[in-house]
Amino acid sequence: MTGLTETASRNLAGELARHRKTREDLAKAWGCAPKTVDTRLRGQTPLTTDEIEKAAHLLGLEASTLTMVLIQPIDAASQFKA
């Protein structure tokens, strides 16, 4: 697991919470089992560009905006205005 994968996963979990979306909502958007979402959100598997695009749509964000949020260091993510 790389630092970037872990950061992106944690930030995506935070964005889900901030937008009041569940892991089940994300699994539905991705067309996968909740177990797959859990694997991604634990940082065990890197997010794909397709997953980022679908997550952005679920959250009502542009994919580029979500990507910028995902790559921000954990302590800096709250400073980024989406």
PDB file of N, CA and C in Angstrom:
ATOM      1  N   MET A   1       0.852  -1.179   0.000  1.00  0.00           N
ATOM      2  CA  MET A   1       0.000   0.000   0.000  1.00  0.00           C
ATOM      3  C   MET A   1       0.893   1.236   0.000  1.00  0.00           C
ATOM      4  N   THR A   2       0.590   2.164  -0.889  1.00  0.00           N
ATOM      5  CA  THR A   2       1.370   3.389  -0.948  1.00  0.00           C
ATOM      6  C   THR A   2       0.718   4.465  -0.099  1.00  0.00           C
ATOM      7  N   GLY A   3       1.495   5.472   0.212  1.00  0.00           N
ATOM      8  CA  GLY A   3       0.959   6.585   0.982  1.00  0.00           C
ATOM      9  C   GLY A   3      -0.168   7.284   0.250  1.00  0.00           C
ATOM     10  N   LEU A   4      -0.038   7.420  -1.080  1.00  0.00           N
ATOM     11  CA  LEU A   4      -1.077   8.090  -1.861  1.00  0.00           C
ATOM     12  C   LEU A   4      -2.373   7.276  -1.870  1.00  0.00           C
ATOM     13  N   THR A   5      -2.249   5.957  -1.977  1.00  0.00           N
ATOM     14  CA  THR A   5      -3.441   5.105  -1.951  1.00  0.00           C
ATOM     15  C   THR A   5      -4.154   5.237  -0.615  1.00  0.00           C
ATOM     16  N   GLU A   6      -3.390   5.214   0.457  1.00  0.00           N
ATOM     17  CA  GLU A   6      -3.969   5.336   1.799  1.00  0.00           C
ATOM     18  C   GLU A   6      -4.619   6.704   1.991  1.00  0.00           C
ATOM     19  N   THR A   7      -3.942   7.757   1.541  1.00  0.00           N
ATOM     20  CA  THR A   7      -4.483   9.114   1.659  1.00  0.00           C
ATOM     21  C   THR A   7      -5.782   9.248   0.870  1.00  0.00           C
ATOM     22  N   ALA A   8      -5.784   8.785  -0.373  1.00  0.00           N
ATOM     23  CA  ALA A   8      -6.979   8.884  -1.213  1.00  0.00           C
ATOM     24  C   ALA A   8      -8.140   8.116  -0.593  1.00  0.00           C
ATOM     25  N   SER A   9      -7.854   6.940  -0.067  1.00  0.00           N
ATOM     26  CA  SER A   9      -8.908   6.119   0.540  1.00  0.00           C
ATOM     27  C   SER A   9      -9.504   6.797   1.764  1.00  0.00           C
ATOM     28  N   ARG A  10      -8.650   7.310   2.630  1.00  0.00           N
ATOM     29  CA  ARG A  10      -9.142   8.005   3.826  1.00  0.00           C
ATOM     30  C   ARG A  10      -9.939   9.254   3.456  1.00  0.00           C
ATOM     31  N   ASN A  11      -9.435   9.981   2.479  1.00  0.00           N
ATOM     32  CA  ASN A  11     -10.140  11.200   2.082  1.00  0.00           C
ATOM     33  C   ASN A  11     -11.486  10.880   1.437  1.00  0.00           C
ATOM     34  N   LEU A  12     -11.561   9.790   0.672  1.00  0.00           N
ATOM     35  CA  LEU A  12     -12.838   9.410   0.084  1.00  0.00           C
ATOM     36  C   LEU A  12     -13.826   9.023   1.182  1.00  0.00           C
ATOM     37  N   ALA A  13     -13.380   8.291   2.172  1.00  0.00           N
ATOM     38  CA  ALA A  13     -14.255   7.937   3.294  1.00  0.00           C
ATOM     39  C   ALA A  13     -14.759   9.207   3.983  1.00  0.00           C
ATOM     40  N   GLY A  14     -13.888  10.179   4.138  1.00  0.00           N
ATOM     41  CA  GLY A  14     -14.285  11.451   4.747  1.00  0.00           C
ATOM     42  C   GLY A  14     -15.296  12.210   3.902  1.00  0.00           C
ATOM     43  N   GLU A  15     -15.103  12.202   2.587  1.00  0.00           N
ATOM     44  CA  GLU A  15     -16.047  12.876   1.698  1.00  0.00           C
ATOM     45  C   GLU A  15     -17.409  12.190   1.721  1.00  0.00           C
ATOM     46  N   LEU A  16     -17.413  10.869   1.797  1.00  0.00           N
ATOM     47  CA  LEU A  16     -18.689  10.161   1.913  1.00  0.00           C
ATOM     48  C   LEU A  16     -19.440  10.638   3.156  1.00  0.00           C
ATOM     49  N   ALA A  17     -18.739  10.701   4.271  1.00  0.00           N
ATOM     50  CA  ALA A  17     -19.362  11.143   5.515  1.00  0.00           C
ATOM     51  C   ALA A  17     -19.832  12.590   5.405  1.00  0.00           C
ATOM     52  N   ARG A  18     -19.011  13.424   4.835  1.00  0.00           N
ATOM     53  CA  ARG A  18     -19.345  14.846   4.712  1.00  0.00           C
ATOM     54  C   ARG A  18     -20.590  15.062   3.858  1.00  0.00           C
ATOM     55  N   HIS A  19     -20.756  14.222   2.846  1.00  0.00           N
ATOM     56  CA  HIS A  19     -21.914  14.323   1.954  1.00  0.00           C
ATOM     57  C   HIS A  19     -23.064  13.405   2.381  1.00  0.00           C
ATOM     58  N   ARG A  20     -22.907  12.794   3.559  1.00  0.00           N
ATOM     59  CA  ARG A  20     -23.943  11.907   4.118  1.00  0.00           C
ATOM     60  C   ARG A  20     -24.311  10.766   3.168  1.00  0.00           C
ATOM     61  N   LYS A  21     -23.266  10.174   2.615  1.00  0.00           N
ATOM     62  CA  LYS A  21     -23.432   9.003   1.753  1.00  0.00           C
ATOM     63  C   LYS A  21     -22.814   7.804   2.466  1.00  0.00           C
ATOM     64  N   THR A  22     -23.372   6.644   2.206  1.00  0.00           N
ATOM     65  CA  THR A  22     -22.884   5.429   2.857  1.00  0.00           C
ATOM     66  C   THR A  22     -21.995   4.620   1.915  1.00  0.00           C
ATOM     67  N   ARG A  23     -21.348   3.634   2.489  1.00  0.00           N
ATOM     68  CA  ARG A  23     -20.561   2.706   1.675  1.00  0.00           C
ATOM     69  C   ARG A  23     -21.478   1.948   0.725  1.00  0.00           C
ATOM     70  N   GLU A  24     -22.694   1.690   1.162  1.00  0.00           N
ATOM     71  CA  GLU A  24     -23.669   1.018   0.305  1.00  0.00           C
ATOM     72  C   GLU A  24     -24.040   1.901  -0.886  1.00  0.00           C
ATOM     73  N   ASP A  25     -24.158   3.215  -0.652  1.00  0.00           N
ATOM     74  CA  ASP A  25     -24.422   4.143  -1.757  1.00  0.00           C
ATOM     75  C   ASP A  25     -23.289   4.085  -2.778  1.00  0.00           C
ATOM     76  N   LEU A  26     -22.066   4.043  -2.269  1.00  0.00           N
ATOM     77  CA  LEU A  26     -20.910   3.988  -3.152  1.00  0.00           C
ATOM     78  C   LEU A  26     -20.849   2.657  -3.894  1.00  0.00           C
ATOM     79  N   ALA A  27     -21.155   1.571  -3.220  1.00  0.00           N
ATOM     80  CA  ALA A  27     -21.168   0.255  -3.873  1.00  0.00           C
ATOM     81  C   ALA A  27     -22.184   0.243  -5.012  1.00  0.00           C
ATOM     82  N   LYS A  28     -23.330   0.846  -4.779  1.00  0.00           N
ATOM     83  CA  LYS A  28     -24.360   0.918  -5.819  1.00  0.00           C
ATOM     84  C   LYS A  28     -23.858   1.754  -7.004  1.00  0.00           C
ATOM     85  N   ALA A  29     -23.228   2.888  -6.715  1.00  0.00           N
ATOM     86  CA  ALA A  29     -22.700   3.752  -7.777  1.00  0.00           C
ATOM     87  C   ALA A  29     -21.607   3.044  -8.576  1.00  0.00           C
ATOM     88  N   TRP A  30     -20.802   2.252  -7.882  1.00  0.00           N
ATOM     89  CA  TRP A  30     -19.718   1.522  -8.546  1.00  0.00           C
ATOM     90  C   TRP A  30     -20.194   0.228  -9.194  1.00  0.00           C
ATOM     91  N   GLY A  31     -21.398  -0.226  -8.828  1.00  0.00           N
ATOM     92  CA  GLY A  31     -21.898  -1.488  -9.364  1.00  0.00           C
ATOM     93  C   GLY A  31     -21.122  -2.676  -8.842  1.00  0.00           C
ATOM     94  N   CYS A  32     -20.815  -2.649  -7.550  1.00  0.00           N
ATOM     95  CA  CYS A  32     -20.012  -3.717  -6.954  1.00  0.00           C
ATOM     96  C   CYS A  32     -20.565  -4.082  -5.579  1.00  0.00           C
ATOM     97  N   ALA A  33     -19.946  -5.058  -4.977  1.00  0.00           N
ATOM     98  CA  ALA A  33     -20.324  -5.490  -3.639  1.00  0.00           C
ATOM     99  C   ALA A  33     -19.751  -4.521  -2.599  1.00  0.00           C
ATOM    100  N   PRO A  34     -20.448  -4.351  -1.466  1.00  0.00           N
ATOM    101  CA  PRO A  34     -19.913  -3.502  -0.399  1.00  0.00           C
ATOM    102  C   PRO A  34     -18.507  -3.941   0.049  1.00  0.00           C
ATOM    103  N   LYS A  35     -18.199  -5.216  -0.052  1.00  0.00           N
ATOM    104  CA  LYS A  35     -16.867  -5.700   0.332  1.00  0.00           C
ATOM    105  C   LYS A  35     -15.780  -5.041  -0.522  1.00  0.00           C
ATOM    106  N   THR A  36     -16.072  -4.816  -1.800  1.00  0.00           N
ATOM    107  CA  THR A  36     -15.114  -4.145  -2.680  1.00  0.00           C
ATOM    108  C   THR A  36     -14.883  -2.713  -2.213  1.00  0.00           C
ATOM    109  N   VAL A  37     -15.954  -2.033  -1.830  1.00  0.00           N
ATOM    110  CA  VAL A  37     -15.834  -0.664  -1.320  1.00  0.00           C
ATOM    111  C   VAL A  37     -14.981  -0.668  -0.052  1.00  0.00           C
ATOM    112  N   ASP A  38     -15.230  -1.594   0.841  1.00  0.00           N
ATOM    113  CA  ASP A  38     -14.450  -1.684   2.077  1.00  0.00           C
ATOM    114  C   ASP A  38     -12.965  -1.857   1.780  1.00  0.00           C
ATOM    115  N   THR A  39     -12.645  -2.705   0.807  1.00  0.00           N
ATOM    116  CA  THR A  39     -11.245  -2.926   0.424  1.00  0.00           C
ATOM    117  C   THR A  39     -10.615  -1.627  -0.066  1.00  0.00           C
ATOM    118  N   ARG A  40     -11.362  -0.881  -0.884  1.00  0.00           N
ATOM    119  CA  ARG A  40     -10.835   0.391  -1.409  1.00  0.00           C
ATOM    120  C   ARG A  40     -10.686   1.421  -0.285  1.00  0.00           C
ATOM    121  N   LEU A  41     -11.683   1.510   0.590  1.00  0.00           N
ATOM    122  CA  LEU A  41     -11.643   2.538   1.639  1.00  0.00           C
ATOM    123  C   LEU A  41     -10.620   2.225   2.726  1.00  0.00           C
ATOM    124  N   ARG A  42     -10.170   0.993   2.811  1.00  0.00           N
ATOM    125  CA  ARG A  42      -9.078   0.650   3.738  1.00  0.00           C
ATOM    126  C   ARG A  42      -7.714   0.881   3.098  1.00  0.00           C
ATOM    127  N   GLY A  43      -7.695   1.261   1.827  1.00  0.00           N
ATOM    128  CA  GLY A  43      -6.441   1.530   1.142  1.00  0.00           C
ATOM    129  C   GLY A  43      -5.710   0.281   0.709  1.00  0.00           C
ATOM    130  N   GLN A  44      -6.398  -0.852   0.691  1.00  0.00           N
ATOM    131  CA  GLN A  44      -5.760  -2.104   0.297  1.00  0.00           C
ATOM    132  C   GLN A  44      -5.611  -2.226  -1.213  1.00  0.00           C
ATOM    133  N   THR A  45      -6.456  -1.508  -1.940  1.00  0.00           N
ATOM    134  CA  THR A  45      -6.422  -1.515  -3.393  1.00  0.00           C
ATOM    135  C   THR A  45      -6.577  -0.076  -3.871  1.00  0.00           C
ATOM    136  N   PRO A  46      -5.745   0.374  -4.799  1.00  0.00           N
ATOM    137  CA  PRO A  46      -5.875   1.744  -5.298  1.00  0.00           C
ATOM    138  C   PRO A  46      -7.207   1.974  -5.999  1.00  0.00           C
ATOM    139  N   LEU A  47      -7.684   3.191  -5.929  1.00  0.00           N
ATOM    140  CA  LEU A  47      -8.899   3.585  -6.637  1.00  0.00           C
ATOM    141  C   LEU A  47      -8.592   3.703  -8.126  1.00  0.00           C
ATOM    142  N   THR A  48      -9.547   3.318  -8.954  1.00  0.00           N
ATOM    143  CA  THR A  48      -9.388   3.483 -10.391  1.00  0.00           C
ATOM    144  C   THR A  48      -9.981   4.822 -10.806  1.00  0.00           C
ATOM    145  N   THR A  49      -9.634   5.274 -11.998  1.00  0.00           N
ATOM    146  CA  THR A  49     -10.208   6.531 -12.483  1.00  0.00           C
ATOM    147  C   THR A  49     -11.716   6.403 -12.653  1.00  0.00           C
ATOM    148  N   ASP A  50     -12.189   5.237 -13.072  1.00  0.00           N
ATOM    149  CA  ASP A  50     -13.624   5.009 -13.211  1.00  0.00           C
ATOM    150  C   ASP A  50     -14.325   5.124 -11.854  1.00  0.00           C
ATOM    151  N   GLU A  51     -13.722   4.560 -10.825  1.00  0.00           N
ATOM    152  CA  GLU A  51     -14.300   4.642  -9.479  1.00  0.00           C
ATOM    153  C   GLU A  51     -14.334   6.082  -8.990  1.00  0.00           C
ATOM    154  N   ILE A  52     -13.288   6.830  -9.270  1.00  0.00           N
ATOM    155  CA  ILE A  52     -13.255   8.233  -8.858  1.00  0.00           C
ATOM    156  C   ILE A  52     -14.346   9.025  -9.579  1.00  0.00           C
ATOM    157  N   GLU A  53     -14.503   8.779 -10.882  1.00  0.00           N
ATOM    158  CA  GLU A  53     -15.540   9.480 -11.642  1.00  0.00           C
ATOM    159  C   GLU A  53     -16.939   9.159 -11.104  1.00  0.00           C
ATOM    160  N   LYS A  54     -17.192   7.888 -10.816  1.00  0.00           N
ATOM    161  CA  LYS A  54     -18.508   7.499 -10.301  1.00  0.00           C
ATOM    162  C   LYS A  54     -18.735   8.027  -8.889  1.00  0.00           C
ATOM    163  N   ALA A  55     -17.688   8.057  -8.071  1.00  0.00           N
ATOM    164  CA  ALA A  55     -17.803   8.609  -6.725  1.00  0.00           C
ATOM    165  C   ALA A  55     -18.078  10.111  -6.800  1.00  0.00           C
ATOM    166  N   ALA A  56     -17.412  10.797  -7.711  1.00  0.00           N
ATOM    167  CA  ALA A  56     -17.635  12.234  -7.877  1.00  0.00           C
ATOM    168  C   ALA A  56     -19.087  12.502  -8.250  1.00  0.00           C
ATOM    169  N   HIS A  57     -19.613  11.715  -9.171  1.00  0.00           N
ATOM    170  CA  HIS A  57     -21.014  11.876  -9.570  1.00  0.00           C
ATOM    171  C   HIS A  57     -21.942  11.672  -8.366  1.00  0.00           C
ATOM    172  N   LEU A  58     -21.681  10.636  -7.588  1.00  0.00           N
ATOM    173  CA  LEU A  58     -22.475  10.363  -6.388  1.00  0.00           C
ATOM    174  C   LEU A  58     -22.445  11.547  -5.417  1.00  0.00           C
ATOM    175  N   LEU A  59     -21.292  12.174  -5.297  1.00  0.00           N
ATOM    176  CA  LEU A  59     -21.113  13.274  -4.353  1.00  0.00           C
ATOM    177  C   LEU A  59     -21.492  14.642  -4.931  1.00  0.00           C
ATOM    178  N   GLY A  60     -21.836  14.667  -6.213  1.00  0.00           N
ATOM    179  CA  GLY A  60     -22.206  15.929  -6.845  1.00  0.00           C
ATOM    180  C   GLY A  60     -21.015  16.820  -7.128  1.00  0.00           C
ATOM    181  N   LEU A  61     -19.867  16.207  -7.396  1.00  0.00           N
ATOM    182  CA  LEU A  61     -18.635  16.945  -7.657  1.00  0.00           C
ATOM    183  C   LEU A  61     -18.111  16.626  -9.055  1.00  0.00           C
ATOM    184  N   GLU A  62     -17.268  17.491  -9.565  1.00  0.00           N
ATOM    185  CA  GLU A  62     -16.524  17.190 -10.785  1.00  0.00           C
ATOM    186  C   GLU A  62     -15.443  16.185 -10.412  1.00  0.00           C
ATOM    187  N   ALA A  63     -15.114  15.285 -11.312  1.00  0.00           N
ATOM    188  CA  ALA A  63     -14.080  14.283 -11.042  1.00  0.00           C
ATOM    189  C   ALA A  63     -12.741  14.943 -10.722  1.00  0.00           C
ATOM    190  N   SER A  64     -12.424  16.038 -11.412  1.00  0.00           N
ATOM    191  CA  SER A  64     -11.155  16.721 -11.151  1.00  0.00           C
ATOM    192  C   SER A  64     -11.120  17.317  -9.747  1.00  0.00           C
ATOM    193  N   THR A  65     -12.243  17.827  -9.287  1.00  0.00           N
ATOM    194  CA  THR A  65     -12.316  18.386  -7.934  1.00  0.00           C
ATOM    195  C   THR A  65     -12.144  17.288  -6.897  1.00  0.00           C
ATOM    196  N   LEU A  66     -12.844  16.170  -7.096  1.00  0.00           N
ATOM    197  CA  LEU A  66     -12.699  15.066  -6.147  1.00  0.00           C
ATOM    198  C   LEU A  66     -11.266  14.542  -6.152  1.00  0.00           C
ATOM    199  N   THR A  67     -10.656  14.462  -7.312  1.00  0.00           N
ATOM    200  CA  THR A  67      -9.269  13.993  -7.392  1.00  0.00           C
ATOM    201  C   THR A  67      -8.355  14.884  -6.562  1.00  0.00           C
ATOM    202  N   MET A  68      -8.542  16.191  -6.660  1.00  0.00           N
ATOM    203  CA  MET A  68      -7.713  17.116  -5.869  1.00  0.00           C
ATOM    204  C   MET A  68      -7.937  16.912  -4.378  1.00  0.00           C
ATOM    205  N   VAL A  69      -9.169  16.677  -3.980  1.00  0.00           N
ATOM    206  CA  VAL A  69      -9.471  16.423  -2.564  1.00  0.00           C
ATOM    207  C   VAL A  69      -8.805  15.122  -2.122  1.00  0.00           C
ATOM    208  N   LEU A  70      -8.872  14.099  -2.976  1.00  0.00           N
ATOM    209  CA  LEU A  70      -8.342  12.785  -2.603  1.00  0.00           C
ATOM    210  C   LEU A  70      -6.836  12.777  -2.410  1.00  0.00           C
ATOM    211  N   ILE A  71      -6.115  13.606  -3.155  1.00  0.00           N
ATOM    212  CA  ILE A  71      -4.651  13.549  -3.062  1.00  0.00           C
ATOM    213  C   ILE A  71      -4.059  14.484  -2.013  1.00  0.00           C
ATOM    214  N   GLN A  72      -4.910  15.272  -1.380  1.00  0.00           N
ATOM    215  CA  GLN A  72      -4.421  16.183  -0.339  1.00  0.00           C
ATOM    216  C   GLN A  72      -3.993  15.381   0.887  1.00  0.00           C
ATOM    217  N   PRO A  73      -2.871  15.736   1.499  1.00  0.00           N
ATOM    218  CA  PRO A  73      -2.502  15.074   2.751  1.00  0.00           C
ATOM    219  C   PRO A  73      -3.653  15.198   3.748  1.00  0.00           C
ATOM    220  N   ILE A  74      -3.781  14.211   4.606  1.00  0.00           N
ATOM    221  CA  ILE A  74      -4.901  14.130   5.544  1.00  0.00           C
ATOM    222  C   ILE A  74      -5.099  15.441   6.297  1.00  0.00           C
ATOM    223  N   ASP A  75      -4.042  16.023   6.814  1.00  0.00           N
ATOM    224  CA  ASP A  75      -4.174  17.228   7.623  1.00  0.00           C
ATOM    225  C   ASP A  75      -4.468  18.464   6.778  1.00  0.00           C
ATOM    226  N   ALA A  76      -4.286  18.395   5.465  1.00  0.00           N
ATOM    227  CA  ALA A  76      -4.535  19.550   4.608  1.00  0.00           C
ATOM    228  C   ALA A  76      -5.891  19.469   3.928  1.00  0.00           C
ATOM    229  N   ALA A  77      -6.537  18.313   3.932  1.00  0.00           N
ATOM    230  CA  ALA A  77      -7.789  18.138   3.198  1.00  0.00           C
ATOM    231  C   ALA A  77      -8.874  19.102   3.643  1.00  0.00           C
ATOM    232  N   SER A  78      -8.914  19.417   4.917  1.00  0.00           N
ATOM    233  CA  SER A  78      -9.950  20.305   5.409  1.00  0.00           C
ATOM    234  C   SER A  78      -9.713  21.744   4.945  1.00  0.00           C
ATOM    235  N   GLN A  79      -8.509  22.053   4.498  1.00  0.00           N
ATOM    236  CA  GLN A  79      -8.194  23.399   4.041  1.00  0.00           C
ATOM    237  C   GLN A  79      -8.572  23.604   2.573  1.00  0.00           C
ATOM    238  N   PHE A  80      -8.765  22.518   1.830  1.00  0.00           N
ATOM    239  CA  PHE A  80      -9.086  22.607   0.409  1.00  0.00           C
ATOM    240  C   PHE A  80     -10.572  22.875   0.251  1.00  0.00           C
ATOM    241  N   LYS A  81     -10.916  23.893  -0.491  1.00  0.00           N
ATOM    242  CA  LYS A  81     -12.319  24.246  -0.709  1.00  0.00           C
ATOM    243  C   LYS A  81     -12.794  23.584  -1.994  1.00  0.00           C
ATOM    244  N   ALA A  82     -13.719  22.644  -1.865  1.00  0.00           N
ATOM    245  CA  ALA A  82     -14.247  21.953  -3.046  1.00  0.00           C
ATOM    246  C   ALA A  82     -15.355  22.750  -3.678  1.00  0.00           C
TER     247      ALA A  82
END
